[in-house]
Amino acid sequence: MQDAVLAMLAKEPSHGYHLRARLQRSLGPLGESMNPGQIYVTLARLEKVGLVVGERAHGPAERPERKVYALTAAGQQRVAAWLTEVGWPKPDLAEFHLKLVAAGATRLADPVELVAAQRRELLRHLREAQHAILAEPAGSSAALLLEGVVLRLRADLRWLEACERAWSKVDDEAEDV
């Protein structure tokens, strides 16, 4: 989140409300869950480490005084480095992965049933993401981000199929004993 905020400030100095609105607009439905206070906490952290500076700006009488943030030279360097950085995400052991391993090791729950429940949840999210894509204008950045969500969900569904085959095989072998 910090780097995205810095990148938005690279275009122009802004206050928190405007930054949040720009991020939400750019993210489309993915930005709806953004906590309003998250931007202000992020800006305070960035200011504390010297990547942005904030100055009070006086607006019209009907608007309260707002703090407008701008990048420092260090902030500009960080944005440039972030945008050119290529990397691979670290493997993420989600709660489900841990639950599946624990169920298999302890037999406190049926791993195949856990996989089935997880599949139902992923299919629900997949339908929601596909509907959200249809609601976005063609070629929008939000539609592209949602397409990434759809592809990840499909990959997770394929992985669940592999898990189901593996756990079913374990169950079959246990029954044969």
C-alpha atoms as a PDB file:
ATOM      1  CA  MET A   1       0.000   0.000   0.000  1.00  0.00           C
ATOM      2  CA  GLN A   2       2.815   2.422   0.847  1.00  0.00           C
ATOM      3  CA  ASP A   3       4.404   2.201  -2.584  1.00  0.00           C
ATOM      4  CA  ALA A   4       1.062   2.687  -4.349  1.00  0.00           C
ATOM      5  CA  VAL A   5       0.423   5.827  -2.274  1.00  0.00           C
ATOM      6  CA  LEU A   6       3.888   7.124  -3.141  1.00  0.00           C
ATOM      7  CA  ALA A   7       3.252   6.448  -6.832  1.00  0.00           C
ATOM      8  CA  MET A   8      -0.030   8.386  -6.687  1.00  0.00           C
ATOM      9  CA  LEU A   9       1.807  11.294  -5.068  1.00  0.00           C
ATOM     10  CA  ALA A  10       4.439  11.180  -7.815  1.00  0.00           C
ATOM     11  CA  LYS A  11       1.805  12.497 -10.208  1.00  0.00           C
ATOM     12  CA  GLU A  12       0.806  15.416  -7.971  1.00  0.00           C
ATOM     13  CA  PRO A  13       0.743  16.474  -4.325  1.00  0.00           C
ATOM     14  CA  SER A  14      -2.557  15.612  -2.687  1.00  0.00           C
ATOM     15  CA  HIS A  15      -4.471  15.310   0.554  1.00  0.00           C
ATOM     16  CA  GLY A  16      -5.534  11.967   2.013  1.00  0.00           C
ATOM     17  CA  TYR A  17      -9.156  12.045   0.902  1.00  0.00           C
ATOM     18  CA  HIS A  18      -8.201  12.712  -2.707  1.00  0.00           C
ATOM     19  CA  LEU A  19      -5.532   9.975  -2.652  1.00  0.00           C
ATOM     20  CA  ARG A  20      -8.017   7.454  -1.296  1.00  0.00           C
ATOM     21  CA  ALA A  21     -10.575   8.393  -3.955  1.00  0.00           C
ATOM     22  CA  ARG A  22      -7.960   8.040  -6.737  1.00  0.00           C
ATOM     23  CA  LEU A  23      -6.834   4.647  -5.444  1.00  0.00           C
ATOM     24  CA  GLN A  24     -10.411   3.422  -5.096  1.00  0.00           C
ATOM     25  CA  ARG A  25     -11.263   4.622  -8.598  1.00  0.00           C
ATOM     26  CA  SER A  26      -8.169   2.906 -10.002  1.00  0.00           C
ATOM     27  CA  LEU A  27      -8.840  -0.348  -8.137  1.00  0.00           C
ATOM     28  CA  GLY A  28     -12.554  -0.436  -8.927  1.00  0.00           C
ATOM     29  CA  PRO A  29     -14.411  -3.028  -6.836  1.00  0.00           C
ATOM     30  CA  LEU A  30     -11.118  -4.205  -5.312  1.00  0.00           C
ATOM     31  CA  GLY A  31     -10.752  -0.797  -3.650  1.00  0.00           C
ATOM     32  CA  GLU A  32     -14.152  -0.857  -1.953  1.00  0.00           C
ATOM     33  CA  SER A  33     -12.782  -2.665   1.079  1.00  0.00           C
ATOM     34  CA  MET A  34     -10.078  -0.056   1.638  1.00  0.00           C
ATOM     35  CA  ASN A  35     -10.294   1.277   5.169  1.00  0.00           C
ATOM     36  CA  PRO A  36     -10.624   5.093   5.054  1.00  0.00           C
ATOM     37  CA  GLY A  37      -8.134   5.519   7.904  1.00  0.00           C
ATOM     38  CA  GLN A  38      -5.567   3.322   6.180  1.00  0.00           C
ATOM     39  CA  ILE A  39      -4.473   6.131   3.855  1.00  0.00           C
ATOM     40  CA  TYR A  40      -3.891   8.521   6.757  1.00  0.00           C
ATOM     41  CA  VAL A  41      -1.936   5.933   8.750  1.00  0.00           C
ATOM     42  CA  THR A  42       0.151   5.182   5.651  1.00  0.00           C
ATOM     43  CA  LEU A  43       0.793   8.889   5.011  1.00  0.00           C
ATOM     44  CA  ALA A  44       1.862   9.399   8.649  1.00  0.00           C
ATOM     45  CA  ARG A  45       4.333   6.500   8.381  1.00  0.00           C
ATOM     46  CA  LEU A  46       5.706   7.774   5.077  1.00  0.00           C
ATOM     47  CA  GLU A  47       6.122  11.255   6.556  1.00  0.00           C
ATOM     48  CA  LYS A  48       7.865   9.837   9.626  1.00  0.00           C
ATOM     49  CA  VAL A  49      10.480   8.052   7.486  1.00  0.00           C
ATOM     50  CA  GLY A  50      11.007  11.090   5.251  1.00  0.00           C
ATOM     51  CA  LEU A  51       9.439   9.857   2.011  1.00  0.00           C
ATOM     52  CA  VAL A  52       6.703  12.524   2.008  1.00  0.00           C
ATOM     53  CA  VAL A  53       6.205  15.946   3.531  1.00  0.00           C
ATOM     54  CA  GLY A  54       2.861  17.334   4.548  1.00  0.00           C
ATOM     55  CA  GLU A  55       1.874  20.987   4.622  1.00  0.00           C
ATOM     56  CA  ARG A  56      -1.352  22.523   5.872  1.00  0.00           C
ATOM     57  CA  ALA A  57      -3.372  24.024   3.047  1.00  0.00           C
ATOM     58  CA  HIS A  58      -6.172  26.483   3.558  1.00  0.00           C
ATOM     59  CA  GLY A  59      -9.248  25.747   1.497  1.00  0.00           C
ATOM     60  CA  PRO A  60     -12.580  27.433   1.039  1.00  0.00           C
ATOM     61  CA  ALA A  61     -14.466  28.378   4.210  1.00  0.00           C
ATOM     62  CA  GLU A  62     -16.798  25.374   3.928  1.00  0.00           C
ATOM     63  CA  ARG A  63     -13.845  22.949   3.926  1.00  0.00           C
ATOM     64  CA  PRO A  64     -11.559  22.431   6.888  1.00  0.00           C
ATOM     65  CA  GLU A  65      -7.836  22.943   6.666  1.00  0.00           C
ATOM     66  CA  ARG A  66      -6.258  19.941   4.978  1.00  0.00           C
ATOM     67  CA  LYS A  67      -2.767  18.549   4.950  1.00  0.00           C
ATOM     68  CA  VAL A  68      -1.398  18.206   1.434  1.00  0.00           C
ATOM     69  CA  TYR A  69       1.347  15.631   0.948  1.00  0.00           C
ATOM     70  CA  ALA A  70       4.175  15.705  -1.582  1.00  0.00           C
ATOM     71  CA  LEU A  71       7.073  13.372  -2.289  1.00  0.00           C
ATOM     72  CA  THR A  72      10.530  14.137  -1.023  1.00  0.00           C
ATOM     73  CA  ALA A  73      13.582  13.310  -3.142  1.00  0.00           C
ATOM     74  CA  ALA A  74      13.861  10.028  -1.204  1.00  0.00           C
ATOM     75  CA  GLY A  75      10.189   9.314  -1.958  1.00  0.00           C
ATOM     76  CA  GLN A  76      10.758   9.931  -5.673  1.00  0.00           C
ATOM     77  CA  GLN A  77      13.715   7.529  -5.630  1.00  0.00           C
ATOM     78  CA  ARG A  78      11.664   4.874  -3.859  1.00  0.00           C
ATOM     79  CA  VAL A  79       8.828   5.126  -6.410  1.00  0.00           C
ATOM     80  CA  ALA A  80      11.293   4.851  -9.292  1.00  0.00           C
ATOM     81  CA  ALA A  81      12.934   1.797  -7.713  1.00  0.00           C
ATOM     82  CA  TRP A  82       9.576   0.163  -6.910  1.00  0.00           C
ATOM     83  CA  LEU A  83       8.239   0.599 -10.426  1.00  0.00           C
ATOM     84  CA  THR A  84      11.323  -0.993 -11.994  1.00  0.00           C
ATOM     85  CA  GLU A  85      11.647  -3.775  -9.412  1.00  0.00           C
ATOM     86  CA  VAL A  86      10.843  -7.254 -10.676  1.00  0.00           C
ATOM     87  CA  GLY A  87      10.254  -9.969  -8.174  1.00  0.00           C
ATOM     88  CA  TRP A  88       8.413 -13.108  -7.347  1.00  0.00           C
ATOM     89  CA  PRO A  89       6.011 -13.166  -4.424  1.00  0.00           C
ATOM     90  CA  LYS A  90       6.983 -15.278  -1.459  1.00  0.00           C
ATOM     91  CA  PRO A  91       4.858 -18.386  -0.985  1.00  0.00           C
ATOM     92  CA  ASP A  92       1.933 -17.521   1.237  1.00  0.00           C
ATOM     93  CA  LEU A  93       0.765 -20.172   3.661  1.00  0.00           C
ATOM     94  CA  ALA A  94      -2.837 -19.143   3.991  1.00  0.00           C
ATOM     95  CA  GLU A  95      -4.958 -20.254   6.903  1.00  0.00           C
ATOM     96  CA  PHE A  96      -6.546 -22.906   4.684  1.00  0.00           C
ATOM     97  CA  HIS A  97      -3.199 -24.498   3.853  1.00  0.00           C
ATOM     98  CA  LEU A  98      -2.388 -24.830   7.535  1.00  0.00           C
ATOM     99  CA  LYS A  99      -5.869 -26.154   8.319  1.00  0.00           C
ATOM    100  CA  LEU A 100      -5.594 -28.776   5.577  1.00  0.00           C
ATOM    101  CA  VAL A 101      -2.205 -29.991   6.804  1.00  0.00           C
ATOM    102  CA  ALA A 102      -3.410 -30.107  10.419  1.00  0.00           C
ATOM    103  CA  ALA A 103      -6.566 -32.018   9.444  1.00  0.00           C
ATOM    104  CA  GLY A 104      -4.518 -34.541   7.489  1.00  0.00           C
ATOM    105  CA  ALA A 105      -1.954 -35.012  10.244  1.00  0.00           C
ATOM    106  CA  THR A 106      -4.395 -35.234  13.149  1.00  0.00           C
ATOM    107  CA  ARG A 107      -7.469 -36.669  11.415  1.00  0.00           C
ATOM    108  CA  LEU A 108      -9.575 -34.248  13.481  1.00  0.00           C
ATOM    109  CA  ALA A 109     -11.384 -33.321  10.269  1.00  0.00           C
ATOM    110  CA  ASP A 110     -11.729 -34.872   6.833  1.00  0.00           C
ATOM    111  CA  PRO A 111      -9.335 -33.088   4.444  1.00  0.00           C
ATOM    112  CA  VAL A 112     -11.579 -33.964   1.470  1.00  0.00           C
ATOM    113  CA  GLU A 113     -14.527 -32.229   3.157  1.00  0.00           C
ATOM    114  CA  LEU A 114     -12.350 -29.196   3.899  1.00  0.00           C
ATOM    115  CA  VAL A 115     -11.345 -29.086   0.225  1.00  0.00           C
ATOM    116  CA  ALA A 116     -15.010 -29.265  -0.834  1.00  0.00           C
ATOM    117  CA  ALA A 117     -15.967 -26.410   1.497  1.00  0.00           C
ATOM    118  CA  GLN A 118     -13.024 -24.313   0.272  1.00  0.00           C
ATOM    119  CA  ARG A 119     -14.010 -25.026  -3.349  1.00  0.00           C
ATOM    120  CA  ARG A 120     -17.543 -23.729  -2.711  1.00  0.00           C
ATOM    121  CA  GLU A 121     -16.098 -20.525  -1.232  1.00  0.00           C
ATOM    122  CA  LEU A 122     -13.668 -20.008  -4.119  1.00  0.00           C
ATOM    123  CA  LEU A 123     -16.453 -20.596  -6.660  1.00  0.00           C
ATOM    124  CA  ARG A 124     -18.539 -17.928  -4.902  1.00  0.00           C
ATOM    125  CA  HIS A 125     -15.641 -15.473  -5.094  1.00  0.00           C
ATOM    126  CA  LEU A 126     -15.055 -16.424  -8.732  1.00  0.00           C
ATOM    127  CA  ARG A 127     -18.686 -15.643  -9.634  1.00  0.00           C
ATOM    128  CA  GLU A 128     -18.466 -12.309  -7.815  1.00  0.00           C
ATOM    129  CA  ALA A 129     -15.244 -11.363  -9.610  1.00  0.00           C
ATOM    130  CA  GLN A 130     -16.643 -12.362 -12.997  1.00  0.00           C
ATOM    131  CA  HIS A 131     -19.778 -10.255 -12.389  1.00  0.00           C
ATOM    132  CA  ALA A 132     -17.608  -7.345 -11.269  1.00  0.00           C
ATOM    133  CA  ILE A 133     -15.581  -7.570 -14.501  1.00  0.00           C
ATOM    134  CA  LEU A 134     -18.782  -7.315 -16.535  1.00  0.00           C
ATOM    135  CA  ALA A 135     -19.732  -4.159 -14.637  1.00  0.00           C
ATOM    136  CA  GLU A 136     -16.406  -2.447 -15.442  1.00  0.00           C
ATOM    137  CA  PRO A 137     -15.801  -0.499 -18.647  1.00  0.00           C
ATOM    138  CA  ALA A 138     -13.836  -2.479 -21.222  1.00  0.00           C
ATOM    139  CA  GLY A 139     -10.115  -1.835 -20.961  1.00  0.00           C
ATOM    140  CA  SER A 140     -10.267  -0.280 -17.498  1.00  0.00           C
ATOM    141  CA  SER A 141      -7.447  -0.922 -15.072  1.00  0.00           C
ATOM    142  CA  ALA A 142      -9.977  -2.279 -12.568  1.00  0.00           C
ATOM    143  CA  ALA A 143     -11.154  -4.870 -15.134  1.00  0.00           C
ATOM    144  CA  LEU A 144      -7.548  -5.929 -15.669  1.00  0.00           C
ATOM    145  CA  LEU A 145      -6.965  -6.286 -11.916  1.00  0.00           C
ATOM    146  CA  LEU A 146     -10.170  -8.303 -11.591  1.00  0.00           C
ATOM    147  CA  GLU A 147      -8.992 -10.564 -14.405  1.00  0.00           C
ATOM    148  CA  GLY A 148      -5.898 -11.257 -12.297  1.00  0.00           C
ATOM    149  CA  VAL A 149      -8.156 -12.183  -9.378  1.00  0.00           C
ATOM    150  CA  VAL A 150     -10.140 -14.546 -11.630  1.00  0.00           C
ATOM    151  CA  LEU A 151      -6.970 -16.236 -12.875  1.00  0.00           C
ATOM    152  CA  ARG A 152      -5.654 -16.703  -9.326  1.00  0.00           C
ATOM    153  CA  LEU A 153      -8.989 -18.156  -8.205  1.00  0.00           C
ATOM    154  CA  ARG A 154      -8.965 -20.583 -11.127  1.00  0.00           C
ATOM    155  CA  ALA A 155      -5.426 -21.638 -10.234  1.00  0.00           C
ATOM    156  CA  ASP A 156      -6.486 -22.189  -6.619  1.00  0.00           C
ATOM    157  CA  LEU A 157      -9.418 -24.297  -7.831  1.00  0.00           C
ATOM    158  CA  ARG A 158      -7.040 -26.454  -9.878  1.00  0.00           C
ATOM    159  CA  TRP A 159      -4.838 -26.856  -6.811  1.00  0.00           C
ATOM    160  CA  LEU A 160      -7.885 -27.936  -4.780  1.00  0.00           C
ATOM    161  CA  GLU A 161      -8.574 -30.614  -7.397  1.00  0.00           C
ATOM    162  CA  ALA A 162      -5.028 -31.913  -6.898  1.00  0.00           C
ATOM    163  CA  CYS A 163      -5.528 -31.857  -3.119  1.00  0.00           C
ATOM    164  CA  GLU A 164      -8.776 -33.751  -3.418  1.00  0.00           C
ATOM    165  CA  ARG A 165      -7.133 -36.426  -5.587  1.00  0.00           C
ATOM    166  CA  ALA A 166      -4.223 -36.763  -3.151  1.00  0.00           C
ATOM    167  CA  TRP A 167      -6.386 -36.908  -0.006  1.00  0.00           C
ATOM    168  CA  SER A 168      -8.864 -39.280  -1.656  1.00  0.00           C
ATOM    169  CA  LYS A 169      -5.954 -41.562  -2.533  1.00  0.00           C
ATOM    170  CA  VAL A 170      -4.752 -41.449   1.085  1.00  0.00           C
ATOM    171  CA  ASP A 171      -8.281 -42.331   2.260  1.00  0.00           C
ATOM    172  CA  ASP A 172      -8.515 -45.195  -0.269  1.00  0.00           C
ATOM    173  CA  GLU A 173      -5.144 -46.577   0.859  1.00  0.00           C
ATOM    174  CA  ALA A 174      -6.211 -46.343   4.524  1.00  0.00           C
ATOM    175  CA  GLU A 175      -9.393 -48.313   3.752  1.00  0.00           C
ATOM    176  CA  ASP A 176      -7.370 -51.042   1.996  1.00  0.00           C
ATOM    177  CA  VAL A 177      -5.302 -51.660   5.140  1.00  0.00           C
END
